[in-house]
N, C-alpha and C. Protein backbone atom coordinates (compact mmCIF):
# COMPACT_ATOMS: atom_id res chain seq x y z
N MET A 1 34.23 8.34 6.49
CA MET A 1 33.11 9.22 6.20
C MET A 1 31.85 8.69 6.89
N ILE A 2 31.12 9.57 7.52
CA ILE A 2 29.88 9.20 8.20
C ILE A 2 28.79 8.99 7.16
N SER A 3 27.97 8.00 7.39
CA SER A 3 26.85 7.73 6.50
C SER A 3 25.72 8.73 6.75
N GLU A 4 24.90 8.91 5.72
CA GLU A 4 23.74 9.79 5.77
C GLU A 4 22.50 8.95 5.54
N LEU A 5 21.54 9.03 6.44
CA LEU A 5 20.30 8.26 6.36
C LEU A 5 19.12 9.20 6.24
N LEU A 6 18.33 9.01 5.18
CA LEU A 6 17.09 9.75 5.02
C LEU A 6 15.95 8.79 5.27
N LEU A 7 15.18 9.04 6.32
CA LEU A 7 14.00 8.23 6.63
C LEU A 7 12.79 8.93 6.04
N VAL A 8 12.05 8.21 5.21
CA VAL A 8 10.85 8.75 4.59
C VAL A 8 9.67 7.93 5.09
N SER A 9 8.84 8.56 5.91
CA SER A 9 7.69 7.88 6.51
C SER A 9 6.40 8.58 6.13
N GLY A 10 5.31 7.91 6.44
CA GLY A 10 3.99 8.48 6.20
C GLY A 10 2.97 7.38 6.03
N ARG A 11 1.73 7.76 6.09
CA ARG A 11 0.62 6.83 5.97
C ARG A 11 0.59 6.19 4.59
N SER A 12 -0.11 5.09 4.46
CA SER A 12 -0.30 4.44 3.16
C SER A 12 -0.97 5.43 2.21
N GLY A 13 -0.47 5.48 0.99
CA GLY A 13 -1.05 6.34 -0.03
C GLY A 13 -0.50 7.75 -0.04
N VAL A 14 0.44 8.05 0.83
CA VAL A 14 0.99 9.40 0.90
C VAL A 14 2.04 9.65 -0.19
N GLY A 15 2.63 8.57 -0.72
CA GLY A 15 3.62 8.71 -1.79
C GLY A 15 5.06 8.47 -1.39
N LYS A 16 5.28 7.67 -0.35
CA LYS A 16 6.64 7.40 0.11
C LYS A 16 7.52 6.78 -0.97
N SER A 17 7.04 5.69 -1.53
CA SER A 17 7.84 4.98 -2.55
C SER A 17 8.02 5.84 -3.79
N SER A 18 6.96 6.47 -4.24
CA SER A 18 7.05 7.32 -5.43
C SER A 18 8.05 8.45 -5.22
N ALA A 19 8.02 9.09 -4.05
CA ALA A 19 8.95 10.17 -3.75
C ALA A 19 10.39 9.65 -3.68
N ALA A 20 10.57 8.48 -3.06
CA ALA A 20 11.92 7.90 -2.96
C ALA A 20 12.47 7.56 -4.33
N PHE A 21 11.64 7.01 -5.21
CA PHE A 21 12.10 6.67 -6.56
C PHE A 21 12.40 7.94 -7.36
N ALA A 22 11.60 8.98 -7.18
CA ALA A 22 11.87 10.24 -7.86
C ALA A 22 13.16 10.87 -7.32
N LEU A 23 13.40 10.76 -6.01
CA LEU A 23 14.65 11.26 -5.43
C LEU A 23 15.83 10.46 -5.97
N HIS A 24 15.66 9.16 -6.09
CA HIS A 24 16.70 8.32 -6.69
C HIS A 24 17.06 8.84 -8.08
N ASP A 25 16.06 9.11 -8.91
CA ASP A 25 16.31 9.61 -10.26
C ASP A 25 17.04 10.96 -10.22
N LEU A 26 16.61 11.84 -9.33
CA LEU A 26 17.23 13.15 -9.20
C LEU A 26 18.70 13.03 -8.80
N LEU A 27 18.97 12.22 -7.77
CA LEU A 27 20.35 12.06 -7.31
C LEU A 27 21.22 11.37 -8.35
N ALA A 28 20.67 10.37 -9.03
CA ALA A 28 21.42 9.68 -10.08
C ALA A 28 21.80 10.66 -11.19
N ALA A 29 20.88 11.53 -11.57
CA ALA A 29 21.16 12.51 -12.61
C ALA A 29 22.26 13.48 -12.19
N GLU A 30 22.37 13.71 -10.88
CA GLU A 30 23.41 14.58 -10.34
C GLU A 30 24.71 13.84 -10.05
N GLY A 31 24.70 12.52 -10.23
CA GLY A 31 25.90 11.73 -9.96
C GLY A 31 26.18 11.54 -8.48
N ILE A 32 25.15 11.60 -7.65
CA ILE A 32 25.31 11.42 -6.20
C ILE A 32 25.04 9.96 -5.85
N LYS A 33 26.07 9.31 -5.36
CA LYS A 33 26.00 7.89 -5.01
C LYS A 33 25.07 7.69 -3.82
N HIS A 34 24.14 6.73 -3.93
CA HIS A 34 23.16 6.49 -2.88
C HIS A 34 22.51 5.13 -3.09
N ALA A 35 21.76 4.70 -2.11
CA ALA A 35 20.97 3.47 -2.21
C ALA A 35 19.57 3.77 -1.70
N VAL A 36 18.61 2.99 -2.19
CA VAL A 36 17.22 3.10 -1.75
C VAL A 36 16.80 1.72 -1.24
N ILE A 37 16.24 1.70 -0.05
CA ILE A 37 15.72 0.45 0.51
C ILE A 37 14.30 0.67 0.98
N GLU A 38 13.41 -0.17 0.48
CA GLU A 38 12.01 -0.18 0.92
C GLU A 38 11.94 -1.03 2.18
N GLY A 39 11.79 -0.39 3.32
CA GLY A 39 11.79 -1.10 4.59
C GLY A 39 10.70 -2.15 4.71
N ASP A 40 9.55 -1.90 4.09
CA ASP A 40 8.46 -2.87 4.18
C ASP A 40 8.86 -4.23 3.65
N ALA A 41 9.74 -4.27 2.67
CA ALA A 41 10.13 -5.54 2.05
C ALA A 41 11.12 -6.34 2.90
N LEU A 42 11.76 -5.69 3.87
CA LEU A 42 12.77 -6.37 4.67
C LEU A 42 12.21 -7.37 5.67
N GLY A 43 10.95 -7.23 6.00
CA GLY A 43 10.36 -8.16 6.96
C GLY A 43 9.01 -8.67 6.52
N LEU A 44 8.76 -8.63 5.22
CA LEU A 44 7.45 -9.04 4.69
C LEU A 44 7.41 -10.56 4.59
N ALA A 45 6.74 -11.16 5.55
CA ALA A 45 6.64 -12.62 5.62
C ALA A 45 5.42 -12.98 6.45
N TRP A 46 4.99 -14.22 6.31
CA TRP A 46 3.90 -14.71 7.14
C TRP A 46 4.26 -16.06 7.70
N PRO A 47 4.17 -16.29 8.99
CA PRO A 47 3.72 -15.32 9.98
C PRO A 47 4.72 -14.18 10.13
N GLU A 48 4.20 -13.06 10.60
CA GLU A 48 5.03 -11.86 10.72
C GLU A 48 6.18 -12.10 11.70
N PRO A 49 7.41 -11.79 11.27
CA PRO A 49 8.60 -12.07 12.09
C PRO A 49 9.07 -10.91 12.97
N TRP A 50 8.17 -10.00 13.35
CA TRP A 50 8.57 -8.81 14.10
C TRP A 50 9.32 -9.14 15.37
N GLU A 51 8.87 -10.16 16.08
CA GLU A 51 9.51 -10.46 17.36
C GLU A 51 10.97 -10.91 17.19
N HIS A 52 11.35 -11.24 15.98
CA HIS A 52 12.73 -11.66 15.72
C HIS A 52 13.58 -10.54 15.14
N ARG A 53 12.99 -9.34 15.02
CA ARG A 53 13.70 -8.18 14.48
C ARG A 53 14.28 -8.46 13.09
N LEU A 54 13.55 -9.24 12.29
CA LEU A 54 14.05 -9.64 10.98
C LEU A 54 14.33 -8.45 10.07
N ALA A 55 13.48 -7.44 10.08
CA ALA A 55 13.72 -6.28 9.21
C ALA A 55 15.04 -5.60 9.57
N ALA A 56 15.31 -5.41 10.84
CA ALA A 56 16.57 -4.79 11.27
C ALA A 56 17.76 -5.67 10.92
N ARG A 57 17.62 -6.95 11.10
CA ARG A 57 18.71 -7.88 10.76
C ARG A 57 18.97 -7.87 9.25
N ASN A 58 17.90 -7.85 8.47
CA ASN A 58 18.07 -7.80 7.02
C ASN A 58 18.68 -6.47 6.57
N LEU A 59 18.25 -5.37 7.20
CA LEU A 59 18.84 -4.08 6.87
C LEU A 59 20.34 -4.09 7.17
N ALA A 60 20.73 -4.62 8.30
CA ALA A 60 22.15 -4.68 8.66
C ALA A 60 22.95 -5.43 7.59
N ALA A 61 22.41 -6.54 7.13
CA ALA A 61 23.11 -7.34 6.11
C ALA A 61 23.17 -6.62 4.78
N VAL A 62 22.05 -6.06 4.35
CA VAL A 62 22.01 -5.37 3.06
C VAL A 62 22.89 -4.12 3.09
N TRP A 63 22.78 -3.32 4.14
CA TRP A 63 23.58 -2.09 4.21
C TRP A 63 25.07 -2.42 4.28
N ALA A 64 25.45 -3.49 4.96
CA ALA A 64 26.87 -3.88 5.00
C ALA A 64 27.40 -4.10 3.59
N ASN A 65 26.59 -4.70 2.74
CA ASN A 65 27.02 -4.91 1.35
C ASN A 65 27.16 -3.59 0.60
N TYR A 66 26.21 -2.69 0.78
CA TYR A 66 26.32 -1.37 0.15
C TYR A 66 27.55 -0.63 0.68
N ARG A 67 27.72 -0.63 2.00
CA ARG A 67 28.84 0.07 2.63
C ARG A 67 30.18 -0.46 2.11
N ASP A 68 30.27 -1.79 1.95
CA ASP A 68 31.50 -2.39 1.42
C ASP A 68 31.83 -1.89 0.02
N LEU A 69 30.80 -1.47 -0.71
CA LEU A 69 30.98 -0.94 -2.06
C LEU A 69 31.13 0.58 -2.08
N GLY A 70 31.23 1.19 -0.91
CA GLY A 70 31.48 2.62 -0.82
C GLY A 70 30.26 3.51 -0.72
N TYR A 71 29.08 2.94 -0.56
CA TYR A 71 27.88 3.76 -0.41
C TYR A 71 27.84 4.36 0.99
N ARG A 72 27.44 5.61 1.08
CA ARG A 72 27.33 6.28 2.37
C ARG A 72 26.00 7.00 2.55
N ARG A 73 25.16 7.00 1.52
CA ARG A 73 23.84 7.64 1.60
C ARG A 73 22.76 6.59 1.39
N LEU A 74 21.80 6.56 2.32
CA LEU A 74 20.70 5.61 2.23
C LEU A 74 19.37 6.34 2.36
N ILE A 75 18.48 6.09 1.41
CA ILE A 75 17.09 6.52 1.47
C ILE A 75 16.30 5.29 1.92
N TYR A 76 15.63 5.40 3.06
CA TYR A 76 14.91 4.26 3.63
C TYR A 76 13.45 4.65 3.81
N THR A 77 12.57 3.90 3.17
CA THR A 77 11.14 4.20 3.29
C THR A 77 10.44 3.13 4.12
N ASN A 78 9.54 3.59 4.96
CA ASN A 78 8.71 2.69 5.76
C ASN A 78 7.69 3.56 6.48
N THR A 79 6.49 3.07 6.62
CA THR A 79 5.43 3.85 7.25
C THR A 79 5.87 4.47 8.56
N VAL A 80 6.47 3.69 9.43
CA VAL A 80 6.81 4.17 10.78
C VAL A 80 8.31 4.33 11.01
N ALA A 81 9.10 4.42 9.98
CA ALA A 81 10.56 4.50 10.13
C ALA A 81 10.99 5.65 11.05
N ILE A 82 10.31 6.78 10.97
CA ILE A 82 10.71 7.91 11.82
C ILE A 82 10.52 7.62 13.30
N LEU A 83 9.64 6.68 13.61
CA LEU A 83 9.45 6.29 15.01
C LEU A 83 10.47 5.26 15.45
N GLU A 84 11.18 4.68 14.49
CA GLU A 84 12.16 3.63 14.76
C GLU A 84 13.56 4.06 14.32
N ALA A 85 13.78 5.37 14.29
CA ALA A 85 15.04 5.92 13.77
C ALA A 85 16.27 5.35 14.48
N ASP A 86 16.22 5.24 15.80
CA ASP A 86 17.39 4.74 16.53
C ASP A 86 17.69 3.29 16.16
N GLU A 87 16.67 2.46 16.06
CA GLU A 87 16.88 1.05 15.70
C GLU A 87 17.40 0.92 14.27
N ILE A 88 16.87 1.72 13.35
CA ILE A 88 17.32 1.66 11.96
C ILE A 88 18.76 2.14 11.85
N ALA A 89 19.08 3.23 12.54
CA ALA A 89 20.46 3.73 12.52
C ALA A 89 21.41 2.70 13.13
N ALA A 90 21.00 2.06 14.21
CA ALA A 90 21.84 1.03 14.84
C ALA A 90 22.05 -0.15 13.90
N ALA A 91 21.02 -0.52 13.14
CA ALA A 91 21.14 -1.64 12.21
C ALA A 91 22.16 -1.32 11.11
N MET A 92 22.29 -0.05 10.76
CA MET A 92 23.29 0.32 9.75
C MET A 92 24.71 0.10 10.27
N GLY A 93 24.89 0.19 11.58
CA GLY A 93 26.17 -0.14 12.18
C GLY A 93 27.27 0.89 12.02
N ASP A 94 26.97 2.05 11.49
CA ASP A 94 28.03 3.05 11.29
C ASP A 94 27.62 4.45 11.76
N GLN A 95 26.70 4.52 12.70
CA GLN A 95 26.27 5.77 13.33
C GLN A 95 25.98 6.88 12.31
N PRO A 96 24.99 6.66 11.45
CA PRO A 96 24.71 7.64 10.41
C PRO A 96 24.10 8.93 10.96
N HIS A 97 24.28 9.98 10.19
CA HIS A 97 23.54 11.22 10.45
C HIS A 97 22.14 10.99 9.90
N VAL A 98 21.11 11.22 10.72
CA VAL A 98 19.74 10.88 10.35
C VAL A 98 18.92 12.13 10.06
N THR A 99 18.24 12.12 8.93
CA THR A 99 17.25 13.13 8.59
C THR A 99 15.91 12.40 8.47
N SER A 100 14.94 12.83 9.27
CA SER A 100 13.63 12.17 9.29
C SER A 100 12.58 13.07 8.67
N VAL A 101 11.80 12.47 7.75
CA VAL A 101 10.75 13.22 7.05
C VAL A 101 9.44 12.44 7.14
N LEU A 102 8.40 13.16 7.54
CA LEU A 102 7.05 12.61 7.56
C LEU A 102 6.29 13.23 6.38
N LEU A 103 5.95 12.41 5.41
CA LEU A 103 5.13 12.87 4.31
C LEU A 103 3.68 12.88 4.77
N THR A 104 2.95 13.92 4.42
CA THR A 104 1.56 14.04 4.81
C THR A 104 0.69 14.27 3.58
N ALA A 105 -0.57 13.93 3.70
CA ALA A 105 -1.54 14.18 2.64
C ALA A 105 -2.93 14.13 3.26
N SER A 106 -3.85 14.80 2.62
CA SER A 106 -5.23 14.81 3.10
C SER A 106 -5.88 13.45 2.91
N ASP A 107 -6.96 13.22 3.63
CA ASP A 107 -7.71 11.97 3.49
C ASP A 107 -8.16 11.77 2.05
N GLY A 108 -8.62 12.83 1.41
CA GLY A 108 -9.09 12.73 0.03
C GLY A 108 -7.99 12.33 -0.94
N THR A 109 -6.82 12.93 -0.78
CA THR A 109 -5.69 12.58 -1.63
C THR A 109 -5.31 11.12 -1.45
N VAL A 110 -5.22 10.69 -0.19
CA VAL A 110 -4.84 9.31 0.11
C VAL A 110 -5.87 8.33 -0.44
N GLN A 111 -7.14 8.63 -0.25
CA GLN A 111 -8.19 7.74 -0.75
C GLN A 111 -8.10 7.62 -2.27
N SER A 112 -7.86 8.72 -2.95
CA SER A 112 -7.74 8.69 -4.41
C SER A 112 -6.56 7.82 -4.84
N ARG A 113 -5.43 7.99 -4.18
CA ARG A 113 -4.24 7.22 -4.53
C ARG A 113 -4.43 5.73 -4.23
N LEU A 114 -4.97 5.44 -3.05
CA LEU A 114 -5.16 4.03 -2.69
C LEU A 114 -6.16 3.35 -3.61
N SER A 115 -7.15 4.09 -4.09
CA SER A 115 -8.16 3.48 -4.96
C SER A 115 -7.59 3.08 -6.32
N ARG A 116 -6.39 3.58 -6.64
CA ARG A 116 -5.74 3.19 -7.89
C ARG A 116 -5.03 1.84 -7.77
N ARG A 117 -4.79 1.40 -6.52
CA ARG A 117 -4.09 0.13 -6.36
C ARG A 117 -4.85 -0.91 -5.55
N GLU A 118 -5.95 -0.52 -4.93
CA GLU A 118 -6.75 -1.43 -4.12
C GLU A 118 -8.21 -1.29 -4.53
N ASP A 119 -9.02 -2.31 -4.18
CA ASP A 119 -10.46 -2.17 -4.38
C ASP A 119 -11.20 -3.01 -3.35
N GLY A 120 -12.51 -2.81 -3.29
CA GLY A 120 -13.35 -3.59 -2.39
C GLY A 120 -12.92 -3.51 -0.94
N GLU A 121 -12.97 -4.66 -0.28
CA GLU A 121 -12.61 -4.73 1.15
C GLU A 121 -11.17 -4.33 1.40
N SER A 122 -10.28 -4.67 0.48
CA SER A 122 -8.88 -4.30 0.63
C SER A 122 -8.73 -2.78 0.66
N LEU A 123 -9.46 -2.07 -0.19
CA LEU A 123 -9.41 -0.61 -0.20
C LEU A 123 -9.90 -0.06 1.13
N ARG A 124 -11.04 -0.56 1.62
CA ARG A 124 -11.57 -0.08 2.90
C ARG A 124 -10.57 -0.32 4.03
N THR A 125 -9.97 -1.49 4.04
CA THR A 125 -8.98 -1.82 5.08
C THR A 125 -7.78 -0.88 5.00
N HIS A 126 -7.27 -0.66 3.80
CA HIS A 126 -6.10 0.22 3.64
C HIS A 126 -6.43 1.66 4.04
N ILE A 127 -7.61 2.14 3.70
CA ILE A 127 -8.00 3.50 4.08
C ILE A 127 -8.07 3.64 5.60
N GLU A 128 -8.67 2.64 6.26
CA GLU A 128 -8.76 2.68 7.72
C GLU A 128 -7.38 2.62 8.37
N ARG A 129 -6.54 1.71 7.91
CA ARG A 129 -5.18 1.59 8.46
C ARG A 129 -4.38 2.87 8.22
N SER A 130 -4.57 3.44 7.05
CA SER A 130 -3.86 4.67 6.70
C SER A 130 -4.24 5.80 7.65
N ALA A 131 -5.53 5.94 7.91
CA ALA A 131 -5.99 6.99 8.82
C ALA A 131 -5.45 6.78 10.23
N THR A 132 -5.44 5.54 10.68
CA THR A 132 -4.89 5.22 12.00
C THR A 132 -3.40 5.55 12.05
N ALA A 133 -2.67 5.15 11.02
CA ALA A 133 -1.23 5.43 10.96
C ALA A 133 -0.97 6.93 10.96
N ALA A 134 -1.76 7.68 10.22
CA ALA A 134 -1.58 9.14 10.16
C ALA A 134 -1.70 9.75 11.55
N ALA A 135 -2.70 9.32 12.30
CA ALA A 135 -2.90 9.85 13.65
C ALA A 135 -1.74 9.49 14.57
N ILE A 136 -1.29 8.25 14.49
CA ILE A 136 -0.16 7.80 15.32
C ILE A 136 1.11 8.56 14.97
N LEU A 137 1.39 8.68 13.68
CA LEU A 137 2.60 9.38 13.25
C LEU A 137 2.57 10.85 13.65
N ASP A 138 1.42 11.48 13.51
CA ASP A 138 1.29 12.88 13.89
C ASP A 138 1.52 13.06 15.38
N GLU A 139 0.96 12.16 16.18
CA GLU A 139 1.06 12.25 17.63
C GLU A 139 2.46 11.93 18.15
N ARG A 140 3.11 10.94 17.57
CA ARG A 140 4.37 10.43 18.12
C ARG A 140 5.63 10.99 17.47
N SER A 141 5.49 11.75 16.41
CA SER A 141 6.68 12.31 15.74
C SER A 141 7.35 13.35 16.62
N SER A 142 8.66 13.28 16.68
CA SER A 142 9.40 14.24 17.49
C SER A 142 9.50 15.59 16.76
N ALA A 143 9.93 16.58 17.49
CA ALA A 143 10.01 17.94 16.94
C ALA A 143 11.04 18.06 15.82
N ASN A 144 12.00 17.14 15.76
CA ASN A 144 13.04 17.22 14.73
C ASN A 144 12.64 16.57 13.40
N VAL A 145 11.42 16.07 13.32
CA VAL A 145 10.94 15.44 12.09
C VAL A 145 10.39 16.52 11.16
N HIS A 146 10.88 16.53 9.93
CA HIS A 146 10.40 17.47 8.91
C HIS A 146 9.09 16.94 8.35
N ARG A 147 8.14 17.82 8.16
CA ARG A 147 6.85 17.44 7.58
C ARG A 147 6.75 18.05 6.19
N VAL A 148 6.42 17.17 5.23
CA VAL A 148 6.31 17.59 3.84
C VAL A 148 4.98 17.10 3.29
N SER A 149 4.15 18.04 2.86
CA SER A 149 2.86 17.68 2.29
C SER A 149 3.05 17.21 0.84
N THR A 150 2.30 16.19 0.46
CA THR A 150 2.34 15.70 -0.92
C THR A 150 1.06 16.06 -1.68
N ASP A 151 0.13 16.73 -1.03
CA ASP A 151 -1.11 17.15 -1.69
C ASP A 151 -0.81 18.07 -2.86
N ASP A 152 -1.42 17.78 -4.00
CA ASP A 152 -1.32 18.64 -5.18
C ASP A 152 0.12 18.91 -5.62
N ARG A 153 1.02 17.94 -5.40
CA ARG A 153 2.42 18.11 -5.79
C ARG A 153 2.85 16.91 -6.62
N THR A 154 3.75 17.15 -7.55
CA THR A 154 4.30 16.05 -8.33
C THR A 154 5.34 15.32 -7.49
N THR A 155 5.62 14.08 -7.86
CA THR A 155 6.66 13.34 -7.14
C THR A 155 8.02 14.01 -7.30
N SER A 156 8.26 14.62 -8.45
CA SER A 156 9.53 15.34 -8.66
C SER A 156 9.67 16.51 -7.71
N ASP A 157 8.57 17.22 -7.48
CA ASP A 157 8.58 18.35 -6.55
C ASP A 157 8.83 17.87 -5.12
N VAL A 158 8.17 16.79 -4.73
CA VAL A 158 8.39 16.23 -3.39
C VAL A 158 9.84 15.75 -3.25
N ALA A 159 10.35 15.12 -4.30
CA ALA A 159 11.75 14.65 -4.27
C ALA A 159 12.71 15.82 -4.10
N ALA A 160 12.45 16.93 -4.77
CA ALA A 160 13.30 18.11 -4.63
C ALA A 160 13.27 18.62 -3.19
N SER A 161 12.10 18.59 -2.56
CA SER A 161 12.00 19.00 -1.15
C SER A 161 12.81 18.06 -0.26
N LEU A 162 12.71 16.75 -0.52
CA LEU A 162 13.47 15.78 0.26
C LEU A 162 14.97 16.02 0.11
N ARG A 163 15.39 16.26 -1.13
CA ARG A 163 16.81 16.51 -1.39
C ARG A 163 17.30 17.72 -0.62
N SER A 164 16.52 18.79 -0.63
CA SER A 164 16.97 20.02 0.05
C SER A 164 17.03 19.85 1.56
N LEU A 165 16.20 18.99 2.12
CA LEU A 165 16.25 18.72 3.55
C LEU A 165 17.42 17.83 3.93
N TRP A 166 17.86 17.00 2.99
CA TRP A 166 18.84 15.97 3.29
C TRP A 166 20.27 16.32 2.88
N ILE A 167 20.43 16.85 1.69
CA ILE A 167 21.77 17.10 1.16
C ILE A 167 21.98 18.59 0.99
N ASP A 168 23.05 19.09 1.55
CA ASP A 168 23.36 20.53 1.46
C ASP A 168 23.64 20.96 0.04
């Protein structure tokens, strides 16, 4: 059986993790076997290990364990995952079918969300980085990337949209 990969990307504060966790709950309630991996955690270290492809290496190891247990569906969240779809799919090692989703939100929505978890200089830095990421993602996303707005929507509603894009 071919694996199914759902890439959930978007700027900081757009709701990637919240949507992925809500999708996890939805799929679990339906009895659909799946795994969720927060891509940011796979290479979170200092100094940053990007040049060693640590995140991809860690994904390969973690997914191999899931695959050995019969998992074939992976929800993977990361700000720029949709731009790295080929590398992420290759790290899975089983040529998954890839569905890429870019979550979007207005500057006001993002600022409100980020202000709940950051403050002071950290908040200003996150808002600036988020705006930069939004512009890059918008510019570099391919035509096959689905765009889903999270403005004025519950995480359950966003999760339902993700499910309909990913699972028939």
